[in-house]
Amino acid sequence: LNSDYGKELDERCRRVCEVPSLPVVFIDGHYLGGAEKILLMNES
């Protein structure tokens, strides 16, 4: 819906040396991960 979000995501992922693969989650401004990591953390 907004290409600025895509540019923002690219910049943020570049800073943490990650390849952006949707979805991407940040908590407290820190990179947490994608769907697989969120699912594992939720189950544990």
PDB file of all heavy atoms in Angstrom:
ATOM      1  N   LEU A   1       0.796  -1.214   0.000  1.00  0.00           N
ATOM      2  CA  LEU A   1       0.000   0.000   0.000  1.00  0.00           C
ATOM      3  C   LEU A   1       0.833   1.269   0.000  1.00  0.00           C
ATOM      4  O   LEU A   1       0.330   2.335  -0.327  1.00  0.00           O
ATOM      5  CB  LEU A   1      -0.943   0.008   1.207  1.00  0.00           C
ATOM      6  CG  LEU A   1      -1.972  -1.117   1.251  1.00  0.00           C
ATOM      7  CD1 LEU A   1      -2.827  -1.009   2.500  1.00  0.00           C
ATOM      8  CD2 LEU A   1      -2.835  -1.116   0.004  1.00  0.00           C
ATOM      9  N   ASN A   2       2.104   1.170   0.395  1.00  0.00           N
ATOM     10  CA  ASN A   2       2.958   2.352   0.448  1.00  0.00           C
ATOM     11  C   ASN A   2       4.399   1.933   0.184  1.00  0.00           C
ATOM     12  O   ASN A   2       5.000   1.218   0.988  1.00  0.00           O
ATOM     13  CB  ASN A   2       2.832   3.029   1.814  1.00  0.00           C
ATOM     14  CG  ASN A   2       3.474   4.387   1.860  1.00  0.00           C
ATOM     15  OD1 ASN A   2       4.312   4.729   1.025  1.00  0.00           O
ATOM     16  ND2 ASN A   2       3.090   5.171   2.842  1.00  0.00           N
ATOM     17  N   SER A   3       4.964   2.389  -0.921  1.00  0.00           N
ATOM     18  CA  SER A   3       6.324   1.979  -1.291  1.00  0.00           C
ATOM     19  C   SER A   3       7.375   2.521  -0.324  1.00  0.00           C
ATOM     20  O   SER A   3       8.465   1.968  -0.227  1.00  0.00           O
ATOM     21  CB  SER A   3       6.653   2.422  -2.718  1.00  0.00           C
ATOM     22  OG  SER A   3       6.689   3.821  -2.802  1.00  0.00           O
ATOM     23  N   ASP A   4       7.062   3.603   0.402  1.00  0.00           N
ATOM     24  CA  ASP A   4       8.015   4.124   1.386  1.00  0.00           C
ATOM     25  C   ASP A   4       8.295   3.095   2.474  1.00  0.00           C
ATOM     26  O   ASP A   4       9.397   3.030   3.010  1.00  0.00           O
ATOM     27  CB  ASP A   4       7.499   5.416   2.014  1.00  0.00           C
ATOM     28  CG  ASP A   4       7.554   6.589   1.056  1.00  0.00           C
ATOM     29  OD1 ASP A   4       8.283   6.499   0.043  1.00  0.00           O
ATOM     30  OD2 ASP A   4       6.870   7.595   1.318  1.00  0.00           O
ATOM     31  N   TYR A   5       7.296   2.275   2.813  1.00  0.00           N
ATOM     32  CA  TYR A   5       7.505   1.219   3.810  1.00  0.00           C
ATOM     33  C   TYR A   5       8.511   0.190   3.295  1.00  0.00           C
ATOM     34  O   TYR A   5       9.326  -0.326   4.056  1.00  0.00           O
ATOM     35  CB  TYR A   5       6.197   0.515   4.159  1.00  0.00           C
ATOM     36  CG  TYR A   5       5.195   1.367   4.906  1.00  0.00           C
ATOM     37  CD1 TYR A   5       3.847   1.076   4.850  1.00  0.00           C
ATOM     38  CD2 TYR A   5       5.600   2.460   5.663  1.00  0.00           C
ATOM     39  CE1 TYR A   5       2.917   1.846   5.534  1.00  0.00           C
ATOM     40  CE2 TYR A   5       4.679   3.233   6.341  1.00  0.00           C
ATOM     41  CZ  TYR A   5       3.337   2.920   6.277  1.00  0.00           C
ATOM     42  OH  TYR A   5       2.415   3.674   6.952  1.00  0.00           O
ATOM     43  N   GLY A   6       8.463  -0.117   2.005  1.00  0.00           N
ATOM     44  CA  GLY A   6       9.415  -1.058   1.420  1.00  0.00           C
ATOM     45  C   GLY A   6      10.830  -0.523   1.472  1.00  0.00           C
ATOM     46  O   GLY A   6      11.778  -1.248   1.788  1.00  0.00           O
ATOM     47  N   LYS A   7      10.990   0.763   1.173  1.00  0.00           N
ATOM     48  CA  LYS A   7      12.315   1.390   1.231  1.00  0.00           C
ATOM     49  C   LYS A   7      12.818   1.419   2.668  1.00  0.00           C
ATOM     50  O   LYS A   7      14.002   1.175   2.935  1.00  0.00           O
ATOM     51  CB  LYS A   7      12.247   2.800   0.660  1.00  0.00           C
ATOM     52  CG  LYS A   7      11.939   2.832  -0.822  1.00  0.00           C
ATOM     53  CD  LYS A   7      11.664   4.239  -1.299  1.00  0.00           C
ATOM     54  CE  LYS A   7      11.174   4.242  -2.744  1.00  0.00           C
ATOM     55  NZ  LYS A   7      10.705   5.557  -3.168  1.00  0.00           N
ATOM     56  N   GLU A   8      11.917   1.725   3.588  1.00  0.00           N
ATOM     57  CA  GLU A   8      12.273   1.750   5.009  1.00  0.00           C
ATOM     58  C   GLU A   8      12.706   0.360   5.471  1.00  0.00           C
ATOM     59  O   GLU A   8      13.703   0.213   6.186  1.00  0.00           O
ATOM     60  CB  GLU A   8      11.037   2.220   5.795  1.00  0.00           C
ATOM     61  CG  GLU A   8      11.203   2.345   7.266  1.00  0.00           C
ATOM     62  CD  GLU A   8       9.895   2.808   7.904  1.00  0.00           C
ATOM     63  OE1 GLU A   8       9.427   3.920   7.607  1.00  0.00           O
ATOM     64  OE2 GLU A   8       9.340   2.021   8.709  1.00  0.00           O
ATOM     65  N   LEU A   9      11.975  -0.672   5.047  1.00  0.00           N
ATOM     66  CA  LEU A   9      12.310  -2.047   5.417  1.00  0.00           C
ATOM     67  C   LEU A   9      13.672  -2.446   4.856  1.00  0.00           C
ATOM     68  O   LEU A   9      14.484  -3.049   5.566  1.00  0.00           O
ATOM     69  CB  LEU A   9      11.232  -3.010   4.921  1.00  0.00           C
ATOM     70  CG  LEU A   9      11.516  -4.492   5.122  1.00  0.00           C
ATOM     71  CD1 LEU A   9      11.644  -4.821   6.604  1.00  0.00           C
ATOM     72  CD2 LEU A   9      10.439  -5.333   4.469  1.00  0.00           C
ATOM     73  N   ASP A  10      13.936  -2.111   3.607  1.00  0.00           N
ATOM     74  CA  ASP A  10      15.243  -2.427   3.011  1.00  0.00           C
ATOM     75  C   ASP A  10      16.375  -1.798   3.816  1.00  0.00           C
ATOM     76  O   ASP A  10      17.384  -2.446   4.099  1.00  0.00           O
ATOM     77  CB  ASP A  10      15.314  -1.935   1.563  1.00  0.00           C
ATOM     78  CG  ASP A  10      14.512  -2.800   0.615  1.00  0.00           C
ATOM     79  OD1 ASP A  10      14.214  -3.955   0.970  1.00  0.00           O
ATOM     80  OD2 ASP A  10      14.183  -2.310  -0.486  1.00  0.00           O
ATOM     81  N   GLU A  11      16.202  -0.537   4.184  1.00  0.00           N
ATOM     82  CA  GLU A  11      17.233   0.169   4.955  1.00  0.00           C
ATOM     83  C   GLU A  11      17.439  -0.486   6.329  1.00  0.00           C
ATOM     84  O   GLU A  11      18.568  -0.703   6.755  1.00  0.00           O
ATOM     85  CB  GLU A  11      16.846   1.637   5.115  1.00  0.00           C
ATOM     86  CG  GLU A  11      17.784   2.437   5.996  1.00  0.00           C
ATOM     87  CD  GLU A  11      19.190   2.527   5.442  1.00  0.00           C
ATOM     88  OE1 GLU A  11      19.358   2.507   4.211  1.00  0.00           O
ATOM     89  OE2 GLU A  11      20.135   2.601   6.255  1.00  0.00           O
ATOM     90  N   ARG A  12      16.331  -0.815   6.997  1.00  0.00           N
ATOM     91  CA  ARG A  12      16.440  -1.418   8.335  1.00  0.00           C
ATOM     92  C   ARG A  12      17.078  -2.793   8.267  1.00  0.00           C
ATOM     93  O   ARG A  12      17.881  -3.150   9.128  1.00  0.00           O
ATOM     94  CB  ARG A  12      15.063  -1.498   8.991  1.00  0.00           C
ATOM     95  CG  ARG A  12      14.498  -0.135   9.308  1.00  0.00           C
ATOM     96  CD  ARG A  12      13.182  -0.248   9.993  1.00  0.00           C
ATOM     97  NE  ARG A  12      13.439  -0.486  11.416  1.00  0.00           N
ATOM     98  CZ  ARG A  12      12.488  -0.527  12.326  1.00  0.00           C
ATOM     99  NH1 ARG A  12      11.234  -0.349  11.984  1.00  0.00           N
ATOM    100  NH2 ARG A  12      12.782  -0.743  13.588  1.00  0.00           N
ATOM    101  N   CYS A  13      16.730  -3.597   7.264  1.00  0.00           N
ATOM    102  CA  CYS A  13      17.308  -4.933   7.134  1.00  0.00           C
ATOM    103  C   CYS A  13      18.780  -4.862   6.735  1.00  0.00           C
ATOM    104  O   CYS A  13      19.573  -5.700   7.148  1.00  0.00           O
ATOM    105  CB  CYS A  13      16.513  -5.764   6.124  1.00  0.00           C
ATOM    106  SG  CYS A  13      14.923  -6.307   6.781  1.00  0.00           S
ATOM    107  N   ARG A  14      19.139  -3.861   5.961  1.00  0.00           N
ATOM    108  CA  ARG A  14      20.542  -3.677   5.578  1.00  0.00           C
ATOM    109  C   ARG A  14      21.379  -3.389   6.823  1.00  0.00           C
ATOM    110  O   ARG A  14      22.495  -3.864   6.959  1.00  0.00           O
ATOM    111  CB  ARG A  14      20.656  -2.530   4.571  1.00  0.00           C
ATOM    112  CG  ARG A  14      21.994  -2.469   3.874  1.00  0.00           C
ATOM    113  CD  ARG A  14      22.063  -1.416   2.777  1.00  0.00           C
ATOM    114  NE  ARG A  14      21.024  -1.569   1.785  1.00  0.00           N
ATOM    115  CZ  ARG A  14      20.098  -0.638   1.515  1.00  0.00           C
ATOM    116  NH1 ARG A  14      20.097   0.508   2.145  1.00  0.00           N
ATOM    117  NH2 ARG A  14      19.178  -0.860   0.597  1.00  0.00           N
ATOM    118  N   ARG A  15      20.816  -2.614   7.758  1.00  0.00           N
ATOM    119  CA  ARG A  15      21.560  -2.280   8.988  1.00  0.00           C
ATOM    120  C   ARG A  15      21.806  -3.493   9.864  1.00  0.00           C
ATOM    121  O   ARG A  15      22.797  -3.540  10.589  1.00  0.00           O
ATOM    122  CB  ARG A  15      20.812  -1.217   9.790  1.00  0.00           C
ATOM    123  CG  ARG A  15      21.114   0.183   9.301  1.00  0.00           C
ATOM    124  CD  ARG A  15      20.558   1.224  10.239  1.00  0.00           C
ATOM    125  NE  ARG A  15      19.314   1.695   9.682  1.00  0.00           N
ATOM    126  CZ  ARG A  15      18.244   2.042  10.369  1.00  0.00           C
ATOM    127  NH1 ARG A  15      18.263   1.982  11.671  1.00  0.00           N
ATOM    128  NH2 ARG A  15      17.163   2.457   9.781  1.00  0.00           N
ATOM    129  N   VAL A  16      20.893  -4.481   9.838  1.00  0.00           N
ATOM    130  CA  VAL A  16      21.087  -5.678  10.661  1.00  0.00           C
ATOM    131  C   VAL A  16      21.592  -6.859   9.832  1.00  0.00           C
ATOM    132  O   VAL A  16      21.608  -7.989  10.305  1.00  0.00           O
ATOM    133  CB  VAL A  16      19.777  -6.073  11.404  1.00  0.00           C
ATOM    134  CG1 VAL A  16      19.412  -5.038  12.430  1.00  0.00           C
ATOM    135  CG2 VAL A  16      18.646  -6.351  10.441  1.00  0.00           C
ATOM    136  N   CYS A  17      22.007  -6.575   8.583  1.00  0.00           N
ATOM    137  CA  CYS A  17      22.582  -7.581   7.686  1.00  0.00           C
ATOM    138  C   CYS A  17      21.643  -8.765   7.459  1.00  0.00           C
ATOM    139  O   CYS A  17      22.057  -9.926   7.509  1.00  0.00           O
ATOM    140  CB  CYS A  17      23.936  -8.068   8.207  1.00  0.00           C
ATOM    141  SG  CYS A  17      25.136  -6.739   8.341  1.00  0.00           S
ATOM    142  N   GLU A  18      20.372  -8.478   7.239  1.00  0.00           N
ATOM    143  CA  GLU A  18      19.372  -9.498   6.949  1.00  0.00           C
ATOM    144  C   GLU A  18      18.770  -9.233   5.577  1.00  0.00           C
ATOM    145  O   GLU A  18      18.621  -8.086   5.175  1.00  0.00           O
ATOM    146  CB  GLU A  18      18.251  -9.493   7.995  1.00  0.00           C
ATOM    147  CG  GLU A  18      18.636 -10.053   9.334  1.00  0.00           C
ATOM    148  CD  GLU A  18      18.835 -11.556   9.317  1.00  0.00           C
ATOM    149  OE1 GLU A  18      18.174 -12.254   8.527  1.00  0.00           O
ATOM    150  OE2 GLU A  18      19.661 -12.036  10.104  1.00  0.00           O
ATOM    151  N   VAL A  19      18.395 -10.285   4.889  1.00  0.00           N
ATOM    152  CA  VAL A  19      17.687 -10.146   3.620  1.00  0.00           C
ATOM    153  C   VAL A  19      16.200 -10.040   3.948  1.00  0.00           C
ATOM    154  O   VAL A  19      15.666 -10.915   4.630  1.00  0.00           O
ATOM    155  CB  VAL A  19      17.950 -11.367   2.704  1.00  0.00           C
ATOM    156  CG1 VAL A  19      17.160 -11.246   1.414  1.00  0.00           C
ATOM    157  CG2 VAL A  19      19.433 -11.511   2.431  1.00  0.00           C
ATOM    158  N   PRO A  20      15.523  -8.968   3.507  1.00  0.00           N
ATOM    159  CA  PRO A  20      14.107  -8.830   3.854  1.00  0.00           C
ATOM    160  C   PRO A  20      13.253  -9.897   3.183  1.00  0.00           C
ATOM    161  O   PRO A  20      13.287 -10.069   1.974  1.00  0.00           O
ATOM    162  CB  PRO A  20      13.752  -7.429   3.349  1.00  0.00           C
ATOM    163  CG  PRO A  20      14.793  -7.067   2.374  1.00  0.00           C
ATOM    164  CD  PRO A  20      16.011  -7.858   2.708  1.00  0.00           C
ATOM    165  N   SER A  21      12.538 -10.651   3.983  1.00  0.00           N
ATOM    166  CA  SER A  21      11.599 -11.650   3.512  1.00  0.00           C
ATOM    167  C   SER A  21      10.360 -11.514   4.373  1.00  0.00           C
ATOM    168  O   SER A  21      10.407 -11.739   5.586  1.00  0.00           O
ATOM    169  CB  SER A  21      12.210 -13.045   3.645  1.00  0.00           C
ATOM    170  OG  SER A  21      11.261 -14.023   3.301  1.00  0.00           O
ATOM    171  N   LEU A  22       9.278 -11.100   3.770  1.00  0.00           N
ATOM    172  CA  LEU A  22       8.068 -10.777   4.532  1.00  0.00           C
ATOM    173  C   LEU A  22       7.446 -11.996   5.165  1.00  0.00           C
ATOM    174  O   LEU A  22       7.485 -13.074   4.581  1.00  0.00           O
ATOM    175  CB  LEU A  22       7.051 -10.102   3.615  1.00  0.00           C
ATOM    176  CG  LEU A  22       7.494  -8.750   3.062  1.00  0.00           C
ATOM    177  CD1 LEU A  22       6.470  -8.241   2.075  1.00  0.00           C
ATOM    178  CD2 LEU A  22       7.713  -7.750   4.159  1.00  0.00           C
ATOM    179  N   PRO A  23       6.864 -11.828   6.328  1.00  0.00           N
ATOM    180  CA  PRO A  23       6.820 -10.635   7.165  1.00  0.00           C
ATOM    181  C   PRO A  23       8.113 -10.451   7.948  1.00  0.00           C
ATOM    182  O   PRO A  23       8.865 -11.400   8.153  1.00  0.00           O
ATOM    183  CB  PRO A  23       5.670 -10.927   8.121  1.00  0.00           C
ATOM    184  CG  PRO A  23       5.694 -12.409   8.278  1.00  0.00           C
ATOM    185  CD  PRO A  23       6.133 -12.947   6.937  1.00  0.00           C
ATOM    186  N   VAL A  24       8.343  -9.220   8.390  1.00  0.00           N
ATOM    187  CA  VAL A  24       9.502  -8.897   9.224  1.00  0.00           C
ATOM    188  C   VAL A  24       8.980  -8.175  10.457  1.00  0.00           C
ATOM    189  O   VAL A  24       8.181  -7.251  10.352  1.00  0.00           O
ATOM    190  CB  VAL A  24      10.516  -8.006   8.472  1.00  0.00           C
ATOM    191  CG1 VAL A  24      11.651  -7.610   9.382  1.00  0.00           C
ATOM    192  CG2 VAL A  24      11.041  -8.717   7.241  1.00  0.00           C
ATOM    193  N   VAL A  25       9.442  -8.594  11.632  1.00  0.00           N
ATOM    194  CA  VAL A  25       8.957  -8.047  12.898  1.00  0.00           C
ATOM    195  C   VAL A  25      10.079  -7.344  13.645  1.00  0.00           C
ATOM    196  O   VAL A  25      11.180  -7.880  13.767  1.00  0.00           O
ATOM    197  CB  VAL A  25       8.354  -9.165  13.789  1.00  0.00           C
ATOM    198  CG1 VAL A  25       7.874  -8.611  15.117  1.00  0.00           C
ATOM    199  CG2 VAL A  25       7.227  -9.885  13.065  1.00  0.00           C
ATOM    200  N   PHE A  26       9.774  -6.146  14.140  1.00  0.00           N
ATOM    201  CA  PHE A  26      10.667  -5.394  15.008  1.00  0.00           C
ATOM    202  C   PHE A  26       9.932  -5.146  16.318  1.00  0.00           C
ATOM    203  O   PHE A  26       8.769  -4.725  16.307  1.00  0.00           O
ATOM    204  CB  PHE A  26      11.049  -4.044  14.386  1.00  0.00           C
ATOM    205  CG  PHE A  26      11.980  -4.148  13.218  1.00  0.00           C
ATOM    206  CD1 PHE A  26      11.500  -4.366  11.933  1.00  0.00           C
ATOM    207  CD2 PHE A  26      13.346  -4.024  13.395  1.00  0.00           C
ATOM    208  CE1 PHE A  26      12.360  -4.459  10.858  1.00  0.00           C
ATOM    209  CE2 PHE A  26      14.222  -4.117  12.314  1.00  0.00           C
ATOM    210  CZ  PHE A  26      13.716  -4.337  11.041  1.00  0.00           C
ATOM    211  N   ILE A  27      10.592  -5.414  17.434  1.00  0.00           N
ATOM    212  CA  ILE A  27      10.030  -5.114  18.753  1.00  0.00           C
ATOM    213  C   ILE A  27      11.009  -4.188  19.455  1.00  0.00           C
ATOM    214  O   ILE A  27      12.207  -4.464  19.503  1.00  0.00           O
ATOM    215  CB  ILE A  27       9.792  -6.388  19.589  1.00  0.00           C
ATOM    216  CG1 ILE A  27       8.714  -7.247  18.916  1.00  0.00           C
ATOM    217  CG2 ILE A  27       9.375  -6.030  21.013  1.00  0.00           C
ATOM    218  CD1 ILE A  27       8.348  -8.501  19.680  1.00  0.00           C
ATOM    219  N   ASP A  28      10.498  -3.085  19.981  1.00  0.00           N
ATOM    220  CA  ASP A  28      11.330  -2.058  20.624  1.00  0.00           C
ATOM    221  C   ASP A  28      12.395  -1.517  19.667  1.00  0.00           C
ATOM    222  O   ASP A  28      13.468  -1.110  20.090  1.00  0.00           O
ATOM    223  CB  ASP A  28      12.029  -2.597  21.873  1.00  0.00           C
ATOM    224  CG  ASP A  28      11.082  -2.790  23.033  1.00  0.00           C
ATOM    225  OD1 ASP A  28      10.029  -2.130  23.067  1.00  0.00           O
ATOM    226  OD2 ASP A  28      11.391  -3.618  23.912  1.00  0.00           O
ATOM    227  N   GLY A  29      12.119  -1.552  18.374  1.00  0.00           N
ATOM    228  CA  GLY A  29      13.073  -1.059  17.391  1.00  0.00           C
ATOM    229  C   GLY A  29      14.159  -2.049  17.024  1.00  0.00           C
ATOM    230  O   GLY A  29      15.011  -1.758  16.206  1.00  0.00           O
ATOM    231  N   HIS A  30      14.130  -3.250  17.609  1.00  0.00           N
ATOM    232  CA  HIS A  30      15.137  -4.271  17.340  1.00  0.00           C
ATOM    233  C   HIS A  30      14.563  -5.354  16.447  1.00  0.00           C
ATOM    234  O   HIS A  30      13.431  -5.790  16.631  1.00  0.00           O
ATOM    235  CB  HIS A  30      15.633  -4.911  18.650  1.00  0.00           C
ATOM    236  CG  HIS A  30      16.241  -3.919  19.587  1.00  0.00           C
ATOM    237  ND1 HIS A  30      17.465  -3.337  19.349  1.00  0.00           N
ATOM    238  CD2 HIS A  30      15.792  -3.408  20.749  1.00  0.00           C
ATOM    239  CE1 HIS A  30      17.741  -2.500  20.346  1.00  0.00           C
ATOM    240  NE2 HIS A  30      16.731  -2.525  21.196  1.00  0.00           N
ATOM    241  N   TYR A  31      15.364  -5.799  15.500  1.00  0.00           N
ATOM    242  CA  TYR A  31      14.956  -6.853  14.581  1.00  0.00           C
ATOM    243  C   TYR A  31      14.694  -8.138  15.352  1.00  0.00           C
ATOM    244  O   TYR A  31      15.527  -8.583  16.138  1.00  0.00           O
ATOM    245  CB  TYR A  31      16.056  -7.073  13.539  1.00  0.00           C
ATOM    246  CG  TYR A  31      15.796  -8.212  12.596  1.00  0.00           C
ATOM    247  CD1 TYR A  31      14.936  -8.058  11.521  1.00  0.00           C
ATOM    248  CD2 TYR A  31      16.412  -9.436  12.778  1.00  0.00           C
ATOM    249  CE1 TYR A  31      14.695  -9.101  10.649  1.00  0.00           C
ATOM    250  CE2 TYR A  31      16.185 -10.485  11.908  1.00  0.00           C
ATOM    251  CZ  TYR A  31      15.320 -10.313  10.843  1.00  0.00           C
ATOM    252  OH  TYR A  31      15.088 -11.350   9.980  1.00  0.00           O
ATOM    253  N   LEU A  32      13.503  -8.731  15.149  1.00  0.00           N
ATOM    254  CA  LEU A  32      13.178  -9.984  15.819  1.00  0.00           C
ATOM    255  C   LEU A  32      13.249 -11.152  14.842  1.00  0.00           C
ATOM    256  O   LEU A  32      13.794 -12.193  15.167  1.00  0.00           O
ATOM    257  CB  LEU A  32      11.789  -9.905  16.449  1.00  0.00           C
ATOM    258  CG  LEU A  32      11.419 -11.046  17.355  1.00  0.00           C
ATOM    259  CD1 LEU A  32      12.359 -11.119  18.545  1.00  0.00           C
ATOM    260  CD2 LEU A  32       9.999 -10.902  17.833  1.00  0.00           C
ATOM    261  N   GLY A  33      12.685 -10.993  13.653  1.00  0.00           N
ATOM    262  CA  GLY A  33      12.742 -12.069  12.671  1.00  0.00           C
ATOM    263  C   GLY A  33      11.492 -12.118  11.823  1.00  0.00           C
ATOM    264  O   GLY A  33      10.681 -11.200  11.820  1.00  0.00           O
ATOM    265  N   GLY A  34      11.357 -13.249  11.113  1.00  0.00           N
ATOM    266  CA  GLY A  34      10.225 -13.457  10.230  1.00  0.00           C
ATOM    267  C   GLY A  34       9.227 -14.433  10.819  1.00  0.00           C
ATOM    268  O   GLY A  34       9.221 -14.710  12.019  1.00  0.00           O
ATOM    269  N   ALA A  35       8.405 -14.980   9.948  1.00  0.00           N
ATOM    270  CA  ALA A  35       7.303 -15.841  10.375  1.00  0.00           C
ATOM    271  C   ALA A  35       7.783 -17.094  11.111  1.00  0.00           C
ATOM    272  O   ALA A  35       7.202 -17.473  12.135  1.00  0.00           O
ATOM    273  CB  ALA A  35       6.460 -16.228   9.171  1.00  0.00           C
ATOM    274  N   GLU A  36       8.840 -17.712  10.606  1.00  0.00           N
ATOM    275  CA  GLU A  36       9.321 -18.954  11.225  1.00  0.00           C
ATOM    276  C   GLU A  36       9.788 -18.705  12.651  1.00  0.00           C
ATOM    277  O   GLU A  36       9.469 -19.458  13.571  1.00  0.00           O
ATOM    278  CB  GLU A  36      10.450 -19.574  10.394  1.00  0.00           C
ATOM    279  CG  GLU A  36      10.030 -20.063   9.023  1.00  0.00           C
ATOM    280  CD  GLU A  36       9.879 -18.942   7.991  1.00  0.00           C
ATOM    281  OE1 GLU A  36      10.420 -17.827   8.199  1.00  0.00           O
ATOM    282  OE2 GLU A  36       9.194 -19.169   6.983  1.00  0.00           O
ATOM    283  N   LYS A  37      10.543 -17.634  12.845  1.00  0.00           N
ATOM    284  CA  LYS A  37      11.055 -17.310  14.182  1.00  0.00           C
ATOM    285  C   LYS A  37       9.913 -16.948  15.131  1.00  0.00           C
ATOM    286  O   LYS A  37       9.895 -17.381  16.284  1.00  0.00           O
ATOM    287  CB  LYS A  37      12.056 -16.160  14.101  1.00  0.00           C
ATOM    288  CG  LYS A  37      12.535 -15.688  15.451  1.00  0.00           C
ATOM    289  CD  LYS A  37      14.009 -15.702  15.560  1.00  0.00           C
ATOM    290  CE  LYS A  37      14.419 -15.394  16.968  1.00  0.00           C
ATOM    291  NZ  LYS A  37      15.551 -14.534  17.048  1.00  0.00           N
ATOM    292  N   ILE A  38       8.943 -16.176  14.652  1.00  0.00           N
ATOM    293  CA  ILE A  38       7.805 -15.788  15.491  1.00  0.00           C
ATOM    294  C   ILE A  38       7.007 -17.021  15.886  1.00  0.00           C
ATOM    295  O   ILE A  38       6.597 -17.166  17.042  1.00  0.00           O
ATOM    296  CB  ILE A  38       6.907 -14.761  14.759  1.00  0.00           C
ATOM    297  CG1 ILE A  38       7.686 -13.483  14.439  1.00  0.00           C
ATOM    298  CG2 ILE A  38       5.651 -14.452  15.573  1.00  0.00           C
ATOM    299  CD1 ILE A  38       8.223 -12.755  15.637  1.00  0.00           C
ATOM    300  N   LEU A  39       6.790 -17.923  14.943  1.00  0.00           N
ATOM    301  CA  LEU A  39       6.046 -19.150  15.229  1.00  0.00           C
ATOM    302  C   LEU A  39       6.769 -20.002  16.277  1.00  0.00           C
ATOM    303  O   LEU A  39       6.143 -20.479  17.235  1.00  0.00           O
ATOM    304  CB  LEU A  39       5.832 -19.950  13.949  1.00  0.00           C
ATOM    305  CG  LEU A  39       4.960 -21.188  14.052  1.00  0.00           C
ATOM    306  CD1 LEU A  39       3.561 -20.832  14.543  1.00  0.00           C
ATOM    307  CD2 LEU A  39       4.871 -21.889  12.708  1.00  0.00           C
ATOM    308  N   LEU A  40       8.082 -20.170  16.141  1.00  0.00           N
ATOM    309  CA  LEU A  40       8.863 -20.940  17.119  1.00  0.00           C
ATOM    310  C   LEU A  40       8.832 -20.287  18.498  1.00  0.00           C
ATOM    311  O   LEU A  40       8.671 -20.971  19.515  1.00  0.00           O
ATOM    312  CB  LEU A  40      10.308 -21.097  16.650  1.00  0.00           C
ATOM    313  CG  LEU A  40      10.551 -22.058  15.490  1.00  0.00           C
ATOM    314  CD1 LEU A  40      11.987 -21.956  14.998  1.00  0.00           C
ATOM    315  CD2 LEU A  40      10.229 -23.481  15.907  1.00  0.00           C
ATOM    316  N   MET A  41       8.996 -18.958  18.522  1.00  0.00           N
ATOM    317  CA  MET A  41       8.973 -18.247  19.803  1.00  0.00           C
ATOM    318  C   MET A  41       7.595 -18.327  20.447  1.00  0.00           C
ATOM    319  O   MET A  41       7.486 -18.425  21.673  1.00  0.00           O
ATOM    320  CB  MET A  41       9.377 -16.788  19.607  1.00  0.00           C
ATOM    321  CG  MET A  41      10.828 -16.598  19.252  1.00  0.00           C
ATOM    322  SD  MET A  41      11.240 -14.876  18.995  1.00  0.00           S
ATOM    323  CE  MET A  41      11.242 -14.292  20.683  1.00  0.00           C
ATOM    324  N   ASN A  42       6.555 -18.299  19.640  1.00  0.00           N
ATOM    325  CA  ASN A  42       5.194 -18.395  20.170  1.00  0.00           C
ATOM    326  C   ASN A  42       4.950 -19.779  20.784  1.00  0.00           C
ATOM    327  O   ASN A  42       4.377 -19.888  21.868  1.00  0.00           O
ATOM    328  CB  ASN A  42       4.176 -18.120  19.055  1.00  0.00           C
ATOM    329  CG  ASN A  42       2.776 -18.000  19.575  1.00  0.00           C
ATOM    330  OD1 ASN A  42       2.521 -17.333  20.568  1.00  0.00           O
ATOM    331  ND2 ASN A  42       1.851 -18.653  18.892  1.00  0.00           N
ATOM    332  N   GLU A  43       5.409 -20.814  20.091  1.00  0.00           N
ATOM    333  CA  GLU A  43       5.218 -22.174  20.588  1.00  0.00           C
ATOM    334  C   GLU A  43       6.036 -22.456  21.843  1.00  0.00           C
ATOM    335  O   GLU A  43       5.603 -23.208  22.712  1.00  0.00           O
ATOM    336  CB  GLU A  43       5.554 -23.183  19.490  1.00  0.00           C
ATOM    337  CG  GLU A  43       4.532 -23.177  18.371  1.00  0.00           C
ATOM    338  CD  GLU A  43       4.914 -24.070  17.212  1.00  0.00           C
ATOM    339  OE1 GLU A  43       6.012 -24.669  17.237  1.00  0.00           O
ATOM    340  OE2 GLU A  43       4.113 -24.166  16.273  1.00  0.00           O
ATOM    341  N   SER A  44       7.209 -21.846  21.962  1.00  0.00           N
ATOM    342  CA  SER A  44       8.064 -22.095  23.128  1.00  0.00           C
ATOM    343  C   SER A  44       7.709 -21.214  24.323  1.00  0.00           C
ATOM    344  O   SER A  44       8.179 -21.462  25.432  1.00  0.00           O
ATOM    345  CB  SER A  44       9.535 -21.886  22.767  1.00  0.00           C
ATOM    346  OG  SER A  44       9.797 -20.512  22.562  1.00  0.00           O
TER     347      SER A  44
END
